Amino acid sequence: MTINYSTWKEDILFKRYPQNIDDITQQFMREYSLETPLLEHRLVASWKEVVPAAEQYTESVEIRNQTLWVKISSPALRNDLLMQRTGLTQLLNNKVGANIINDIRII
């Protein structure tokens, strides 16, 4: 069911279309293209949780074109993380509950 936002106040005030608040929030975020940026932010924030050993060596983490770019200052850690890219990609996507990134580039 779609909500007509021009009359949504009336619909909600008079309870014409009772819905779960979670459903309304998800629909609003999808229609205004806010869902993907929010999930990307959550994925970047979860980097430190998924790879806690890399926290002190991580200089920057960002997503560009469905690729997570991570700048690591330690060459040894960078090499270890490069070998675990596929597993890290799956862990991070599972953490946010969506397929946000396809690859990880560690520089």
C-alpha atoms as a PDB file:
ATOM      1  CA  MET A   1       0.000   0.000   0.000  1.00  0.00           C
ATOM      2  CA  THR A   2       1.406   3.420  -0.881  1.00  0.00           C
ATOM      3  CA  ILE A   3       0.746   6.512   1.137  1.00  0.00           C
ATOM      4  CA  ASN A   4      -0.266   9.772  -0.467  1.00  0.00           C
ATOM      5  CA  TYR A   5       2.047  12.193   1.352  1.00  0.00           C
ATOM      6  CA  SER A   6      -0.083  15.209   0.500  1.00  0.00           C
ATOM      7  CA  THR A   7      -2.817  13.861   2.785  1.00  0.00           C
ATOM      8  CA  TRP A   8      -0.737  11.733   5.119  1.00  0.00           C
ATOM      9  CA  LYS A   9      -1.492  13.950   8.126  1.00  0.00           C
ATOM     10  CA  GLU A  10      -5.207  13.458   7.667  1.00  0.00           C
ATOM     11  CA  ASP A  11      -4.766   9.741   7.080  1.00  0.00           C
ATOM     12  CA  ILE A  12      -2.681   9.278  10.202  1.00  0.00           C
ATOM     13  CA  LEU A  13      -4.773  11.575  12.392  1.00  0.00           C
ATOM     14  CA  PHE A  14      -7.986   9.834  11.451  1.00  0.00           C
ATOM     15  CA  LYS A  15      -6.359   6.370  11.269  1.00  0.00           C
ATOM     16  CA  ARG A  16      -7.690   5.637   7.827  1.00  0.00           C
ATOM     17  CA  TYR A  17      -4.762   3.370   7.031  1.00  0.00           C
ATOM     18  CA  PRO A  18      -3.301   1.935  10.224  1.00  0.00           C
ATOM     19  CA  GLN A  19       0.225   0.650   9.594  1.00  0.00           C
ATOM     20  CA  ASN A  20       3.241  -0.394  11.563  1.00  0.00           C
ATOM     21  CA  ILE A  21       5.606   2.557  12.162  1.00  0.00           C
ATOM     22  CA  ASP A  22       8.541   0.454  10.932  1.00  0.00           C
ATOM     23  CA  ASP A  23       6.807  -0.120   7.592  1.00  0.00           C
ATOM     24  CA  ILE A  24       6.064   3.584   7.216  1.00  0.00           C
ATOM     25  CA  THR A  25       9.675   4.510   8.021  1.00  0.00           C
ATOM     26  CA  GLN A  26      11.088   1.977   5.547  1.00  0.00           C
ATOM     27  CA  GLN A  27       8.753   3.160   2.792  1.00  0.00           C
ATOM     28  CA  PHE A  28       9.625   6.802   3.436  1.00  0.00           C
ATOM     29  CA  MET A  29      13.354   6.077   3.351  1.00  0.00           C
ATOM     30  CA  ARG A  30      13.065   4.141   0.079  1.00  0.00           C
ATOM     31  CA  GLU A  31      10.950   6.778  -1.642  1.00  0.00           C
ATOM     32  CA  TYR A  32      13.351   9.580  -0.706  1.00  0.00           C
ATOM     33  CA  SER A  33      16.500   7.501  -1.417  1.00  0.00           C
ATOM     34  CA  LEU A  34      17.734   7.601   2.173  1.00  0.00           C
ATOM     35  CA  GLU A  35      18.060   3.875   2.764  1.00  0.00           C
ATOM     36  CA  THR A  36      21.335   3.257   0.900  1.00  0.00           C
ATOM     37  CA  PRO A  37      23.268   6.180   2.431  1.00  0.00           C
ATOM     38  CA  LEU A  38      22.152   5.072   5.894  1.00  0.00           C
ATOM     39  CA  LEU A  39      23.264   1.487   5.269  1.00  0.00           C
ATOM     40  CA  GLU A  40      26.585   2.728   3.867  1.00  0.00           C
ATOM     41  CA  HIS A  41      27.140   4.781   7.010  1.00  0.00           C
ATOM     42  CA  ARG A  42      26.358   1.756   9.182  1.00  0.00           C
ATOM     43  CA  LEU A  43      28.768  -0.403   7.182  1.00  0.00           C
ATOM     44  CA  VAL A  44      31.621   2.106   7.534  1.00  0.00           C
ATOM     45  CA  ALA A  45      30.910   2.405  11.259  1.00  0.00           C
ATOM     46  CA  SER A  46      30.939  -1.393  11.651  1.00  0.00           C
ATOM     47  CA  TRP A  47      34.487  -1.693  10.216  1.00  0.00           C
ATOM     48  CA  LYS A  48      35.967  -1.270  13.702  1.00  0.00           C
ATOM     49  CA  GLU A  49      33.635  -3.920  15.141  1.00  0.00           C
ATOM     50  CA  VAL A  50      34.351  -6.483  12.433  1.00  0.00           C
ATOM     51  CA  VAL A  51      38.137  -5.899  12.407  1.00  0.00           C
ATOM     52  CA  PRO A  52      39.012  -4.615  15.899  1.00  0.00           C
ATOM     53  CA  ALA A  53      42.743  -5.365  15.425  1.00  0.00           C
ATOM     54  CA  ALA A  54      42.886  -2.840  12.578  1.00  0.00           C
ATOM     55  CA  GLU A  55      41.362   0.038  14.546  1.00  0.00           C
ATOM     56  CA  GLN A  56      44.613   1.763  15.514  1.00  0.00           C
ATOM     57  CA  TYR A  57      46.098   1.323  12.015  1.00  0.00           C
ATOM     58  CA  THR A  58      43.025   2.459  10.061  1.00  0.00           C
ATOM     59  CA  GLU A  59      43.491   5.960   8.669  1.00  0.00           C
ATOM     60  CA  SER A  60      40.319   6.232   6.582  1.00  0.00           C
ATOM     61  CA  VAL A  61      37.310   4.155   5.527  1.00  0.00           C
ATOM     62  CA  GLU A  62      34.919   5.165   2.736  1.00  0.00           C
ATOM     63  CA  ILE A  63      32.621   3.656   0.140  1.00  0.00           C
ATOM     64  CA  ARG A  64      32.856   4.564  -3.533  1.00  0.00           C
ATOM     65  CA  ASN A  65      30.923   2.721  -6.257  1.00  0.00           C
ATOM     66  CA  GLN A  66      30.034  -0.235  -4.022  1.00  0.00           C
ATOM     67  CA  THR A  67      33.698  -0.673  -3.067  1.00  0.00           C
ATOM     68  CA  LEU A  68      34.967  -0.171   0.474  1.00  0.00           C
ATOM     69  CA  TRP A  69      38.276   1.727   0.453  1.00  0.00           C
ATOM     70  CA  VAL A  70      40.337   1.314   3.613  1.00  0.00           C
ATOM     71  CA  LYS A  71      43.648   3.049   4.191  1.00  0.00           C
ATOM     72  CA  ILE A  72      45.858   1.032   6.564  1.00  0.00           C
ATOM     73  CA  SER A  73      49.181   2.356   7.885  1.00  0.00           C
ATOM     74  CA  SER A  74      50.695  -1.049   8.756  1.00  0.00           C
ATOM     75  CA  PRO A  75      52.087  -2.980   5.749  1.00  0.00           C
ATOM     76  CA  ALA A  76      51.868  -6.349   7.556  1.00  0.00           C
ATOM     77  CA  LEU A  77      48.227  -5.824   8.554  1.00  0.00           C
ATOM     78  CA  ARG A  78      47.414  -4.528   5.069  1.00  0.00           C
ATOM     79  CA  ASN A  79      48.782  -7.756   3.587  1.00  0.00           C
ATOM     80  CA  ASP A  80      46.766  -9.925   6.022  1.00  0.00           C
ATOM     81  CA  LEU A  81      43.552  -8.016   5.266  1.00  0.00           C
ATOM     82  CA  LEU A  82      44.136  -8.293   1.516  1.00  0.00           C
ATOM     83  CA  MET A  83      44.066 -12.072   1.829  1.00  0.00           C
ATOM     84  CA  GLN A  84      40.765 -11.916   3.749  1.00  0.00           C
ATOM     85  CA  ARG A  85      38.908  -9.497   1.444  1.00  0.00           C
ATOM     86  CA  THR A  86      36.160 -11.904   0.366  1.00  0.00           C
ATOM     87  CA  GLY A  87      35.354 -12.990   3.920  1.00  0.00           C
ATOM     88  CA  LEU A  88      35.429  -9.403   5.180  1.00  0.00           C
ATOM     89  CA  THR A  89      33.053  -8.333   2.410  1.00  0.00           C
ATOM     90  CA  GLN A  90      30.548 -10.993   3.463  1.00  0.00           C
ATOM     91  CA  LEU A  91      30.920 -10.182   7.172  1.00  0.00           C
ATOM     92  CA  LEU A  92      30.360  -6.461   6.633  1.00  0.00           C
ATOM     93  CA  ASN A  93      27.356  -6.988   4.366  1.00  0.00           C
ATOM     94  CA  ASN A  94      25.857  -9.432   6.891  1.00  0.00           C
ATOM     95  CA  LYS A  95      26.452  -6.926   9.682  1.00  0.00           C
ATOM     96  CA  VAL A  96      24.221  -4.309   8.006  1.00  0.00           C
ATOM     97  CA  GLY A  97      21.797  -6.864   6.553  1.00  0.00           C
ATOM     98  CA  ALA A  98      22.139  -5.804   2.912  1.00  0.00           C
ATOM     99  CA  ASN A  99      24.503  -6.220  -0.030  1.00  0.00           C
ATOM    100  CA  ILE A 100      26.122  -2.769   0.074  1.00  0.00           C
ATOM    101  CA  ILE A 101      29.671  -3.506  -1.067  1.00  0.00           C
ATOM    102  CA  ASN A 102      31.019  -5.903  -3.688  1.00  0.00           C
ATOM    103  CA  ASP A 103      34.728  -5.508  -3.003  1.00  0.00           C
ATOM    104  CA  ILE A 104      37.239  -4.129  -0.514  1.00  0.00           C
ATOM    105  CA  ARG A 105      40.326  -2.211  -1.583  1.00  0.00           C
ATOM    106  CA  ILE A 106      42.993  -1.903   1.059  1.00  0.00           C
ATOM    107  CA  ILE A 107      45.596   0.758   0.414  1.00  0.00           C
END
